[in-house]
C-alpha atoms as a PDB file:
ATOM      1  CA  UNK A   1     -15.252  16.442  -0.352  1.00  0.00           C
ATOM      2  CA  UNK A   2     -17.262  13.318   0.467  1.00  0.00           C
ATOM      3  CA  UNK A   3     -15.044  10.257   0.090  1.00  0.00           C
ATOM      4  CA  UNK A   4     -15.202   6.489   0.392  1.00  0.00           C
ATOM      5  CA  UNK A   5     -12.061   4.629   1.480  1.00  0.00           C
ATOM      6  CA  UNK A   6     -12.122   0.860   1.115  1.00  0.00           C
ATOM      7  CA  UNK A   7      -9.653  -1.047   3.271  1.00  0.00           C
ATOM      8  CA  UNK A   8      -9.912   1.834   5.745  1.00  0.00           C
ATOM      9  CA  UNK A   9      -8.738  -0.188   8.750  1.00  0.00           C
ATOM     10  CA  UNK A  10      -5.626  -1.442   6.982  1.00  0.00           C
ATOM     11  CA  UNK A  11      -2.131  -0.002   7.046  1.00  0.00           C
ATOM     12  CA  UNK A  12      -2.398   2.428   4.123  1.00  0.00           C
ATOM     13  CA  UNK A  13      -6.153   2.903   4.256  1.00  0.00           C
ATOM     14  CA  UNK A  14      -6.124   4.061   7.865  1.00  0.00           C
ATOM     15  CA  UNK A  15      -3.409   6.648   7.229  1.00  0.00           C
ATOM     16  CA  UNK A  16      -5.305   7.868   4.168  1.00  0.00           C
ATOM     17  CA  UNK A  17      -8.603   8.133   6.059  1.00  0.00           C
ATOM     18  CA  UNK A  18      -6.934  10.111   8.858  1.00  0.00           C
ATOM     19  CA  UNK A  19      -5.327  12.497   6.385  1.00  0.00           C
ATOM     20  CA  UNK A  20      -8.635  13.088   4.576  1.00  0.00           C
ATOM     21  CA  UNK A  21     -10.485  13.817   7.825  1.00  0.00           C
ATOM     22  CA  UNK A  22      -7.638  16.115   8.949  1.00  0.00           C
ATOM     23  CA  UNK A  23      -8.120  18.093   5.733  1.00  0.00           C
ATOM     24  CA  UNK A  24     -11.801  18.571   6.572  1.00  0.00           C
ATOM     25  CA  UNK A  25     -13.316  15.971   4.253  1.00  0.00           C
ATOM     26  CA  UNK A  26     -16.153  13.607   5.159  1.00  0.00           C
ATOM     27  CA  UNK A  27     -15.071   9.964   4.962  1.00  0.00           C
ATOM     28  CA  UNK A  28     -16.855   6.631   4.976  1.00  0.00           C
ATOM     29  CA  UNK A  29     -14.432   3.816   5.660  1.00  0.00           C
ATOM     30  CA  UNK A  30     -15.268   0.231   4.805  1.00  0.00           C
ATOM     31  CA  UNK A  31     -13.266  -2.832   5.826  1.00  0.00           C
ATOM     32  CA  UNK A  32     -14.091  -6.476   6.535  1.00  0.00           C
ATOM     33  CA  UNK A  33     -11.268  -6.562   9.135  1.00  0.00           C
ATOM     34  CA  UNK A  34      -9.774  -9.723   7.623  1.00  0.00           C
ATOM     35  CA  UNK A  35      -6.356  -8.069   7.535  1.00  0.00           C
ATOM     36  CA  UNK A  36      -7.230  -4.632   8.936  1.00  0.00           C
ATOM     37  CA  UNK A  37      -7.584  -3.631  12.577  1.00  0.00           C
ATOM     38  CA  UNK A  38     -10.312  -1.390  13.940  1.00  0.00           C
ATOM     39  CA  UNK A  39      -7.747   0.048  16.368  1.00  0.00           C
ATOM     40  CA  UNK A  40      -6.095   1.744  13.379  1.00  0.00           C
ATOM     41  CA  UNK A  41      -9.101   4.050  12.959  1.00  0.00           C
ATOM     42  CA  UNK A  42     -10.156   4.212  16.623  1.00  0.00           C
ATOM     43  CA  UNK A  43      -9.226   7.927  16.932  1.00  0.00           C
ATOM     44  CA  UNK A  44     -11.502   8.699  13.960  1.00  0.00           C
ATOM     45  CA  UNK A  45     -14.597   7.050  15.404  1.00  0.00           C
ATOM     46  CA  UNK A  46     -15.242  10.129  17.572  1.00  0.00           C
ATOM     47  CA  UNK A  47     -15.226  12.448  14.548  1.00  0.00           C
ATOM     48  CA  UNK A  48     -18.481  13.595  12.953  1.00  0.00           C
ATOM     49  CA  UNK A  49     -16.709  13.498   9.615  1.00  0.00           C
ATOM     50  CA  UNK A  50     -15.992   9.750   9.750  1.00  0.00           C
ATOM     51  CA  UNK A  51     -18.172   6.674   9.755  1.00  0.00           C
ATOM     52  CA  UNK A  52     -17.001   3.081   9.678  1.00  0.00           C
ATOM     53  CA  UNK A  53     -18.793   0.194   7.980  1.00  0.00           C
ATOM     54  CA  UNK A  54     -17.631  -3.366   8.614  1.00  0.00           C
ATOM     55  CA  UNK A  55     -18.328  -5.143   5.346  1.00  0.00           C
ATOM     56  CA  UNK A  56     -16.786  -6.928   2.380  1.00  0.00           C
ATOM     57  CA  UNK A  57     -16.626  -4.624  -0.638  1.00  0.00           C
ATOM     58  CA  UNK A  58     -17.295  -7.626  -2.888  1.00  0.00           C
ATOM     59  CA  UNK A  59     -20.702  -8.045  -1.247  1.00  0.00           C
ATOM     60  CA  UNK A  60     -21.735  -4.457  -1.880  1.00  0.00           C
ATOM     61  CA  UNK A  61     -20.977  -0.845  -0.989  1.00  0.00           C
ATOM     62  CA  UNK A  62     -22.816   1.658   1.222  1.00  0.00           C
ATOM     63  CA  UNK A  63     -25.433   3.973  -0.287  1.00  0.00           C
ATOM     64  CA  UNK A  64     -24.502   7.610  -0.842  1.00  0.00           C
ATOM     65  CA  UNK A  65     -26.615  10.652  -1.655  1.00  0.00           C
ATOM     66  CA  UNK A  66     -23.471  12.384  -2.897  1.00  0.00           C
ATOM     67  CA  UNK A  67     -19.933  11.148  -3.403  1.00  0.00           C
ATOM     68  CA  UNK A  68     -16.865  12.882  -4.819  1.00  0.00           C
ATOM     69  CA  UNK A  69     -14.038  10.356  -4.539  1.00  0.00           C
ATOM     70  CA  UNK A  70     -13.613   6.598  -4.157  1.00  0.00           C
ATOM     71  CA  UNK A  71     -10.248   5.400  -2.864  1.00  0.00           C
ATOM     72  CA  UNK A  72     -10.111   1.645  -3.461  1.00  0.00           C
ATOM     73  CA  UNK A  73      -7.429   0.393  -1.061  1.00  0.00           C
ATOM     74  CA  UNK A  74      -9.042  -2.864   0.066  1.00  0.00           C
ATOM     75  CA  UNK A  75      -6.825  -5.896  -0.555  1.00  0.00           C
ATOM     76  CA  UNK A  76      -4.476  -8.205   1.269  1.00  0.00           C
ATOM     77  CA  UNK A  77      -1.078  -6.690   0.520  1.00  0.00           C
ATOM     78  CA  UNK A  78       1.565  -8.680   2.370  1.00  0.00           C
ATOM     79  CA  UNK A  79       3.014 -12.005   1.191  1.00  0.00           C
ATOM     80  CA  UNK A  80       1.619 -13.779   4.253  1.00  0.00           C
ATOM     81  CA  UNK A  81      -1.870 -12.339   3.774  1.00  0.00           C
ATOM     82  CA  UNK A  82      -2.302 -13.058   0.100  1.00  0.00           C
ATOM     83  CA  UNK A  83      -0.768 -16.524   0.498  1.00  0.00           C
ATOM     84  CA  UNK A  84      -3.416 -17.283   3.142  1.00  0.00           C
ATOM     85  CA  UNK A  85      -6.235 -15.535   1.242  1.00  0.00           C
ATOM     86  CA  UNK A  86      -5.499 -16.011  -2.461  1.00  0.00           C
ATOM     87  CA  UNK A  87      -9.098 -16.161  -3.669  1.00  0.00           C
ATOM     88  CA  UNK A  88     -10.117 -13.186  -1.527  1.00  0.00           C
ATOM     89  CA  UNK A  89      -7.197 -11.243  -3.013  1.00  0.00           C
ATOM     90  CA  UNK A  90      -8.318 -12.054  -6.533  1.00  0.00           C
ATOM     91  CA  UNK A  91     -11.945 -11.150  -5.780  1.00  0.00           C
ATOM     92  CA  UNK A  92     -11.356  -7.817  -4.077  1.00  0.00           C
ATOM     93  CA  UNK A  93      -9.209  -6.601  -6.968  1.00  0.00           C
ATOM     94  CA  UNK A  94     -11.630  -7.857  -9.617  1.00  0.00           C
ATOM     95  CA  UNK A  95     -15.229  -7.799  -8.356  1.00  0.00           C
ATOM     96  CA  UNK A  96     -14.356  -5.253  -5.665  1.00  0.00           C
ATOM     97  CA  UNK A  97     -12.721  -2.946  -8.192  1.00  0.00           C
ATOM     98  CA  UNK A  98     -15.695  -3.253 -10.548  1.00  0.00           C
ATOM     99  CA  UNK A  99     -18.091  -2.355  -7.723  1.00  0.00           C
ATOM    100  CA  UNK A 100     -15.993   0.687  -6.807  1.00  0.00           C
ATOM    101  CA  UNK A 101     -15.758   1.815 -10.419  1.00  0.00           C
ATOM    102  CA  UNK A 102     -19.496   1.360 -10.958  1.00  0.00           C
ATOM    103  CA  UNK A 103     -20.276   3.384  -7.829  1.00  0.00           C
ATOM    104  CA  UNK A 104     -17.902   6.157  -8.875  1.00  0.00           C
ATOM    105  CA  UNK A 105     -19.481   6.225 -12.343  1.00  0.00           C
ATOM    106  CA  UNK A 106     -23.021   6.377 -10.953  1.00  0.00           C
ATOM    107  CA  UNK A 107     -22.165   9.243  -8.611  1.00  0.00           C
ATOM    108  CA  UNK A 108     -19.874  11.175 -10.928  1.00  0.00           C
ATOM    109  CA  UNK A 109     -17.025  10.584  -8.480  1.00  0.00           C
ATOM    110  CA  UNK A 110     -13.298  10.238  -9.058  1.00  0.00           C
ATOM    111  CA  UNK A 111     -11.793   6.749  -8.561  1.00  0.00           C
ATOM    112  CA  UNK A 112      -8.280   6.250  -7.203  1.00  0.00           C
ATOM    113  CA  UNK A 113      -7.152   2.630  -7.406  1.00  0.00           C
ATOM    114  CA  UNK A 114      -4.278   1.415  -5.243  1.00  0.00           C
ATOM    115  CA  UNK A 115      -2.131  -0.769  -7.449  1.00  0.00           C
ATOM    116  CA  UNK A 116       1.382  -1.933  -6.704  1.00  0.00           C
ATOM    117  CA  UNK A 117       4.949  -2.229  -7.890  1.00  0.00           C
ATOM    118  CA  UNK A 118       4.232  -5.972  -7.946  1.00  0.00           C
ATOM    119  CA  UNK A 119       2.617  -5.431 -11.350  1.00  0.00           C
ATOM    120  CA  UNK A 120       6.221  -5.251 -12.607  1.00  0.00           C
ATOM    121  CA  UNK A 121       6.982  -8.679 -11.126  1.00  0.00           C
ATOM    122  CA  UNK A 122      10.685  -9.543 -10.986  1.00  0.00           C
ATOM    123  CA  UNK A 123      11.565  -6.674 -13.320  1.00  0.00           C
ATOM    124  CA  UNK A 124      13.933  -6.886 -16.246  1.00  0.00           C
ATOM    125  CA  UNK A 125      13.825  -3.084 -16.633  1.00  0.00           C
ATOM    126  CA  UNK A 126      15.467  -0.957 -13.952  1.00  0.00           C
ATOM    127  CA  UNK A 127      14.313   1.463 -12.687  1.00  0.00           C
ATOM    128  CA  UNK A 128      10.699   0.664 -13.517  1.00  0.00           C
ATOM    129  CA  UNK A 129       8.792   3.157 -15.648  1.00  0.00           C
ATOM    130  CA  UNK A 130       5.004   3.183 -15.928  1.00  0.00           C
ATOM    131  CA  UNK A 131       5.339   2.157 -19.581  1.00  0.00           C
ATOM    132  CA  UNK A 132       7.068  -1.118 -18.616  1.00  0.00           C
ATOM    133  CA  UNK A 133       4.707  -4.103 -18.961  1.00  0.00           C
ATOM    134  CA  UNK A 134       6.454  -6.156 -16.317  1.00  0.00           C
ATOM    135  CA  UNK A 135       7.847  -9.654 -15.856  1.00  0.00           C
ATOM    136  CA  UNK A 136       5.158 -11.520 -13.907  1.00  0.00           C
ATOM    137  CA  UNK A 137       4.777 -15.275 -13.532  1.00  0.00           C
ATOM    138  CA  UNK A 138       1.006 -15.736 -14.065  1.00  0.00           C
ATOM    139  CA  UNK A 139       0.901 -19.119 -12.291  1.00  0.00           C
ATOM    140  CA  UNK A 140       3.533 -18.574  -9.595  1.00  0.00           C
ATOM    141  CA  UNK A 141       2.952 -18.363  -5.834  1.00  0.00           C
ATOM    142  CA  UNK A 142       2.663 -14.560  -5.948  1.00  0.00           C
ATOM    143  CA  UNK A 143       0.352 -14.462  -8.954  1.00  0.00           C
ATOM    144  CA  UNK A 144      -2.837 -14.191  -6.887  1.00  0.00           C
ATOM    145  CA  UNK A 145      -1.667 -10.700  -5.903  1.00  0.00           C
ATOM    146  CA  UNK A 146       0.395  -9.621  -8.919  1.00  0.00           C
ATOM    147  CA  UNK A 147      -2.187 -10.664 -11.493  1.00  0.00           C
ATOM    148  CA  UNK A 148      -5.104  -9.472  -9.357  1.00  0.00           C
ATOM    149  CA  UNK A 149      -3.650  -5.978  -9.368  1.00  0.00           C
ATOM    150  CA  UNK A 150      -2.911  -6.166 -13.098  1.00  0.00           C
ATOM    151  CA  UNK A 151      -6.527  -7.172 -13.712  1.00  0.00           C
ATOM    152  CA  UNK A 152      -7.705  -4.349 -11.472  1.00  0.00           C
ATOM    153  CA  UNK A 153      -5.696  -1.939 -13.595  1.00  0.00           C
ATOM    154  CA  UNK A 154      -7.274  -3.381 -16.745  1.00  0.00           C
ATOM    155  CA  UNK A 155     -10.734  -2.805 -15.237  1.00  0.00           C
ATOM    156  CA  UNK A 156      -9.921   0.785 -14.396  1.00  0.00           C
ATOM    157  CA  UNK A 157      -8.545   1.390 -17.884  1.00  0.00           C
ATOM    158  CA  UNK A 158     -11.678  -0.144 -19.395  1.00  0.00           C
ATOM    159  CA  UNK A 159     -13.986   2.078 -17.343  1.00  0.00           C
ATOM    160  CA  UNK A 160     -11.974   5.088 -18.500  1.00  0.00           C
ATOM    161  CA  UNK A 161     -12.209   4.121 -22.174  1.00  0.00           C
ATOM    162  CA  UNK A 162     -15.752   2.798 -22.255  1.00  0.00           C
ATOM    163  CA  UNK A 163     -17.471   5.219 -19.872  1.00  0.00           C
ATOM    164  CA  UNK A 164     -15.088   8.196 -19.558  1.00  0.00           C
ATOM    165  CA  UNK A 165     -14.788   7.571 -15.814  1.00  0.00           C
ATOM    166  CA  UNK A 166     -12.316   9.883 -14.105  1.00  0.00           C
ATOM    167  CA  UNK A 167     -10.211   7.022 -12.753  1.00  0.00           C
ATOM    168  CA  UNK A 168      -6.575   7.024 -11.692  1.00  0.00           C
ATOM    169  CA  UNK A 169      -4.047   4.382 -10.704  1.00  0.00           C
ATOM    170  CA  UNK A 170      -1.208   4.687  -8.212  1.00  0.00           C
ATOM    171  CA  UNK A 171       1.436   1.959  -8.399  1.00  0.00           C
ATOM    172  CA  UNK A 172       2.676   1.945  -4.828  1.00  0.00           C
ATOM    173  CA  UNK A 173       6.245   0.884  -4.102  1.00  0.00           C
ATOM    174  CA  UNK A 174       7.602  -0.407  -0.781  1.00  0.00           C
ATOM    175  CA  UNK A 175       5.919   1.646   1.941  1.00  0.00           C
ATOM    176  CA  UNK A 176       6.392   1.371   5.682  1.00  0.00           C
ATOM    177  CA  UNK A 177       5.380   3.051   8.917  1.00  0.00           C
ATOM    178  CA  UNK A 178       3.115   2.783  11.960  1.00  0.00           C
ATOM    179  CA  UNK A 179       0.089   0.448  11.831  1.00  0.00           C
ATOM    180  CA  UNK A 180       1.937  -2.315  10.021  1.00  0.00           C
ATOM    181  CA  UNK A 181       1.344  -5.689  11.617  1.00  0.00           C
ATOM    182  CA  UNK A 182       4.097  -7.740  13.213  1.00  0.00           C
ATOM    183  CA  UNK A 183       3.126 -10.859  11.273  1.00  0.00           C
ATOM    184  CA  UNK A 184       3.163  -9.096   7.959  1.00  0.00           C
ATOM    185  CA  UNK A 185       5.890 -10.778   5.941  1.00  0.00           C
ATOM    186  CA  UNK A 186       7.356  -7.544   4.620  1.00  0.00           C
ATOM    187  CA  UNK A 187      10.908  -6.622   5.441  1.00  0.00           C
ATOM    188  CA  UNK A 188      10.501  -3.630   7.767  1.00  0.00           C
ATOM    189  CA  UNK A 189       7.967  -5.050  10.264  1.00  0.00           C
ATOM    190  CA  UNK A 190       9.752  -8.407  10.166  1.00  0.00           C
ATOM    191  CA  UNK A 191      13.144  -6.904  11.036  1.00  0.00           C
ATOM    192  CA  UNK A 192      11.722  -4.546  13.673  1.00  0.00           C
ATOM    193  CA  UNK A 193       9.795  -7.324  15.383  1.00  0.00           C
ATOM    194  CA  UNK A 194      12.884  -9.541  15.405  1.00  0.00           C
ATOM    195  CA  UNK A 195      15.068  -6.726  16.729  1.00  0.00           C
ATOM    196  CA  UNK A 196      12.672  -5.992  19.599  1.00  0.00           C
ATOM    197  CA  UNK A 197      12.285  -9.699  20.375  1.00  0.00           C
ATOM    198  CA  UNK A 198      16.027 -10.369  20.412  1.00  0.00           C
ATOM    199  CA  UNK A 199      15.773 -12.780  17.488  1.00  0.00           C
ATOM    200  CA  UNK A 200      18.089 -13.077  14.485  1.00  0.00           C
ATOM    201  CA  UNK A 201      17.010 -11.157  11.403  1.00  0.00           C
ATOM    202  CA  UNK A 202      15.579 -13.464   8.736  1.00  0.00           C
ATOM    203  CA  UNK A 203      17.292 -12.562   5.460  1.00  0.00           C
ATOM    204  CA  UNK A 204      16.242 -14.308   2.276  1.00  0.00           C
ATOM    205  CA  UNK A 205      19.039 -14.961  -0.182  1.00  0.00           C
ATOM    206  CA  UNK A 206      22.251 -13.048   0.452  1.00  0.00           C
ATOM    207  CA  UNK A 207      20.478  -9.779   1.251  1.00  0.00           C
ATOM    208  CA  UNK A 208      21.771  -8.026  -1.856  1.00  0.00           C
ATOM    209  CA  UNK A 209      18.291  -7.683  -3.349  1.00  0.00           C
ATOM    210  CA  UNK A 210      17.114  -4.067  -3.297  1.00  0.00           C
ATOM    211  CA  UNK A 211      14.047  -2.163  -2.173  1.00  0.00           C
ATOM    212  CA  UNK A 212      13.098   1.514  -2.245  1.00  0.00           C
ATOM    213  CA  UNK A 213      11.428   2.395   1.047  1.00  0.00           C
ATOM    214  CA  UNK A 214       8.906   5.232   1.295  1.00  0.00           C
ATOM    215  CA  UNK A 215       7.576   6.479   4.632  1.00  0.00           C
ATOM    216  CA  UNK A 216       3.789   6.262   4.763  1.00  0.00           C
ATOM    217  CA  UNK A 217       3.168   9.972   5.453  1.00  0.00           C
ATOM    218  CA  UNK A 218       5.046  10.903   2.286  1.00  0.00           C
ATOM    219  CA  UNK A 219       3.099   8.375   0.257  1.00  0.00           C
ATOM    220  CA  UNK A 220      -0.280   9.575   1.523  1.00  0.00           C
ATOM    221  CA  UNK A 221       0.685  13.144   0.668  1.00  0.00           C
ATOM    222  CA  UNK A 222       1.383  12.007  -2.899  1.00  0.00           C
ATOM    223  CA  UNK A 223      -1.918  10.132  -3.117  1.00  0.00           C
ATOM    224  CA  UNK A 224      -3.910  13.153  -1.956  1.00  0.00           C
ATOM    225  CA  UNK A 225      -2.121  15.438  -4.384  1.00  0.00           C
ATOM    226  CA  UNK A 226      -2.840  13.039  -7.238  1.00  0.00           C
ATOM    227  CA  UNK A 227      -6.485  12.732  -6.217  1.00  0.00           C
ATOM    228  CA  UNK A 228      -6.977  16.508  -6.114  1.00  0.00           C
ATOM    229  CA  UNK A 229      -5.466  17.414  -9.492  1.00  0.00           C
ATOM    230  CA  UNK A 230      -8.000  18.050 -12.250  1.00  0.00           C
ATOM    231  CA  UNK A 231      -7.109  16.526 -15.638  1.00  0.00           C
ATOM    232  CA  UNK A 232      -3.537  15.471 -14.866  1.00  0.00           C
ATOM    233  CA  UNK A 233      -1.163  14.829 -17.752  1.00  0.00           C
ATOM    234  CA  UNK A 234      -1.020  11.156 -16.718  1.00  0.00           C
ATOM    235  CA  UNK A 235      -3.665   9.058 -14.970  1.00  0.00           C
ATOM    236  CA  UNK A 236      -1.270   6.288 -13.909  1.00  0.00           C
ATOM    237  CA  UNK A 237       1.803   7.045 -11.801  1.00  0.00           C
ATOM    238  CA  UNK A 238       4.428   5.293  -9.722  1.00  0.00           C
ATOM    239  CA  UNK A 239       4.476   6.457  -6.103  1.00  0.00           C
ATOM    240  CA  UNK A 240       7.295   5.798  -3.689  1.00  0.00           C
ATOM    241  CA  UNK A 241      10.907   6.631  -3.019  1.00  0.00           C
ATOM    242  CA  UNK A 242      13.693   6.154  -5.527  1.00  0.00           C
ATOM    243  CA  UNK A 243      16.344   5.788  -2.814  1.00  0.00           C
ATOM    244  CA  UNK A 244      17.375   2.199  -3.516  1.00  0.00           C
ATOM    245  CA  UNK A 245      18.976   0.189  -0.709  1.00  0.00           C
ATOM    246  CA  UNK A 246      19.806  -3.450  -0.145  1.00  0.00           C
ATOM    247  CA  UNK A 247      17.887  -5.629   2.291  1.00  0.00           C
ATOM    248  CA  UNK A 248      21.086  -5.973   4.345  1.00  0.00           C
ATOM    249  CA  UNK A 249      21.339  -2.181   4.586  1.00  0.00           C
ATOM    250  CA  UNK A 250      17.792  -2.073   5.960  1.00  0.00           C
ATOM    251  CA  UNK A 251      18.709  -4.782   8.477  1.00  0.00           C
ATOM    252  CA  UNK A 252      21.834  -2.916   9.631  1.00  0.00           C
ATOM    253  CA  UNK A 253      19.949   0.355  10.010  1.00  0.00           C
ATOM    254  CA  UNK A 254      17.184  -1.213  12.094  1.00  0.00           C
ATOM    255  CA  UNK A 255      19.735  -3.059  14.269  1.00  0.00           C
ATOM    256  CA  UNK A 256      21.586   0.201  14.925  1.00  0.00           C
ATOM    257  CA  UNK A 257      18.377   2.097  15.745  1.00  0.00           C
ATOM    258  CA  UNK A 258      17.226  -0.674  18.076  1.00  0.00           C
ATOM    259  CA  UNK A 259      20.654  -0.920  19.722  1.00  0.00           C
ATOM    260  CA  UNK A 260      21.016  -4.628  19.073  1.00  0.00           C
ATOM    261  CA  UNK A 261      23.756  -6.647  17.343  1.00  0.00           C
ATOM    262  CA  UNK A 262      22.991  -7.698  13.809  1.00  0.00           C
ATOM    263  CA  UNK A 263      22.537 -11.459  13.806  1.00  0.00           C
ATOM    264  CA  UNK A 264      21.270 -13.003  10.578  1.00  0.00           C
ATOM    265  CA  UNK A 265      19.430 -16.213   9.804  1.00  0.00           C
ATOM    266  CA  UNK A 266      19.710 -16.885   6.066  1.00  0.00           C
ATOM    267  CA  UNK A 267      16.960 -18.634   4.115  1.00  0.00           C
ATOM    268  CA  UNK A 268      16.613 -19.361   0.390  1.00  0.00           C
ATOM    269  CA  UNK A 269      15.128 -16.609  -1.741  1.00  0.00           C
ATOM    270  CA  UNK A 270      11.405 -17.317  -2.323  1.00  0.00           C
ATOM    271  CA  UNK A 271      10.230 -18.125  -5.833  1.00  0.00           C
ATOM    272  CA  UNK A 272       9.584 -15.009  -7.980  1.00  0.00           C
ATOM    273  CA  UNK A 273      10.799 -12.663  -5.237  1.00  0.00           C
ATOM    274  CA  UNK A 274      11.944  -9.464  -7.013  1.00  0.00           C
ATOM    275  CA  UNK A 275      15.716  -8.992  -6.930  1.00  0.00           C
ATOM    276  CA  UNK A 276      15.627  -5.239  -7.481  1.00  0.00           C
ATOM    277  CA  UNK A 277      12.958  -2.630  -7.064  1.00  0.00           C
ATOM    278  CA  UNK A 278      13.150   1.108  -7.733  1.00  0.00           C
ATOM    279  CA  UNK A 279      10.552   3.340  -9.364  1.00  0.00           C
ATOM    280  CA  UNK A 280      11.218   5.827 -12.091  1.00  0.00           C
ATOM    281  CA  UNK A 281       9.465   8.882 -10.624  1.00  0.00           C
ATOM    282  CA  UNK A 282       9.848  11.240 -13.578  1.00  0.00           C
ATOM    283  CA  UNK A 283       6.131  11.142 -14.359  1.00  0.00           C
ATOM    284  CA  UNK A 284       4.843  11.864 -10.854  1.00  0.00           C
ATOM    285  CA  UNK A 285       7.340  14.689 -10.411  1.00  0.00           C
ATOM    286  CA  UNK A 286       6.133  16.255 -13.644  1.00  0.00           C
ATOM    287  CA  UNK A 287       2.470  15.854 -12.673  1.00  0.00           C
ATOM    288  CA  UNK A 288       2.619  16.706  -8.959  1.00  0.00           C
ATOM    289  CA  UNK A 289       6.053  18.236  -8.244  1.00  0.00           C
ATOM    290  CA  UNK A 290       6.121  15.665  -5.436  1.00  0.00           C
ATOM    291  CA  UNK A 291       8.837  13.534  -3.958  1.00  0.00           C
ATOM    292  CA  UNK A 292       9.318  11.505  -0.781  1.00  0.00           C
ATOM    293  CA  UNK A 293      11.287  13.573   1.727  1.00  0.00           C
ATOM    294  CA  UNK A 294      11.550  11.533   4.947  1.00  0.00           C
ATOM    295  CA  UNK A 295      15.074  10.053   5.279  1.00  0.00           C
ATOM    296  CA  UNK A 296      15.041   6.297   5.725  1.00  0.00           C
ATOM    297  CA  UNK A 297      16.724   6.390   9.151  1.00  0.00           C
ATOM    298  CA  UNK A 298      14.198   8.948  10.414  1.00  0.00           C
ATOM    299  CA  UNK A 299      11.200   7.014   9.119  1.00  0.00           C
ATOM    300  CA  UNK A 300      12.515   3.744  10.511  1.00  0.00           C
ATOM    301  CA  UNK A 301      13.120   5.386  13.900  1.00  0.00           C
ATOM    302  CA  UNK A 302       9.499   6.589  14.023  1.00  0.00           C
ATOM    303  CA  UNK A 303       8.255   3.155  12.967  1.00  0.00           C
ATOM    304  CA  UNK A 304      10.434   1.447  15.558  1.00  0.00           C
ATOM    305  CA  UNK A 305       9.065   3.753  18.285  1.00  0.00           C
ATOM    306  CA  UNK A 306       5.494   2.911  17.275  1.00  0.00           C
ATOM    307  CA  UNK A 307       6.224  -0.829  17.339  1.00  0.00           C
ATOM    308  CA  UNK A 308       7.779  -0.516  20.808  1.00  0.00           C
ATOM    309  CA  UNK A 309       4.611   1.122  22.103  1.00  0.00           C
ATOM    310  CA  UNK A 310       2.354  -1.372  20.338  1.00  0.00           C
ATOM    311  CA  UNK A 311       4.303  -4.342  21.709  1.00  0.00           C
ATOM    312  CA  UNK A 312       4.344  -2.963  25.253  1.00  0.00           C
ATOM    313  CA  UNK A 313       0.568  -2.408  25.094  1.00  0.00           C
ATOM    314  CA  UNK A 314       0.034  -5.927  23.781  1.00  0.00           C
ATOM    315  CA  UNK A 315       2.129  -7.461  26.555  1.00  0.00           C
ATOM    316  CA  UNK A 316       0.634  -5.272  29.319  1.00  0.00           C
END
C-alpha cells in the first residue's frame, strides 16, 4: 500500500506511520511541525519506505503517481495547542480535510479521518454511541476543536454521499503513550511530568470526572484494521477503551508507579470540560472484532519509562 499520513510527526501520526512502515507499506508523512516533533519520526527517516515533507496541509499536498490510503491526522489535539492555535485548528479540519478528501477522490484512495470523542462535547448520553449527536457548546472555549472536528465529519460524509468516496471516520477517545509532549494539557502527560518533577498533581474539580484511557499501540492496531477492511458494515466508529476511571484514580496510579506521594493542587473545572467519557464500542467490535487489551497500569508504566528517558535526554 502507498499511504499518506498527515500530522505524521505528532503523537498519533508518528505511531501510525511507524506501524504502516513496519507492515511493509510505503508512507509519505507530512507535518508543519507546529505541534509535532521531527524526533518522533527520526527512526523512519533511514527507511526507503518513508519520506517526510515539512508543509502545511492547508497550503497543498504532495503529488502522487499512485496512492491507496490517506490518513488525515493533522490537527492540534490538546487543550493547550488548540487554545493557542484556534484558527489553525479550524482550518486544518476544514480546508485540510477537503484537500485530503479531494486527493483521495482523485487517486481512488481510501480516506481515514481522525475525529474525536470531543464531538460528543460534555455528553448527556453515557456511554456515548456513534448515533449520539452530542452536547457541544458552539461558542465556548473548546469549540474551535469540537466544532472543527464536527465540520470535518460533515465534509467526509458529504464526499461519501456526493462522490461515493470510500471515506471512514474514527472517533478517538482518550489515548496516551510515548511521544506525548510534557506541555500537552492532557491528564496523563501532565500527571507524569509533575510526578517526575516532584510537583503536586494539578486536579481540576474534585477529580471525580471520568476518562477511558487507551494505550496508543492498541489504538493504532484498531485504526489499521479499520483501514484495511473492505466495505465495512459501518464507516464511522468509536475507537478507544471502555474501561472508565476517575481522574483521581489515574493520579493515584501514576503516583504509585513513579514512587512518589500523591499531593494534589485543586483548581476549578474548566468551562465545558466533559464530566464523563466512555465509548460504546459495540459497533467497532462487530466490525473489527477488536478491543483495547493493554491494562492501564501496564500502559502507564511504559509511558512513564519513556518520559523518564525523554526528560533525562533533555536535561543532559
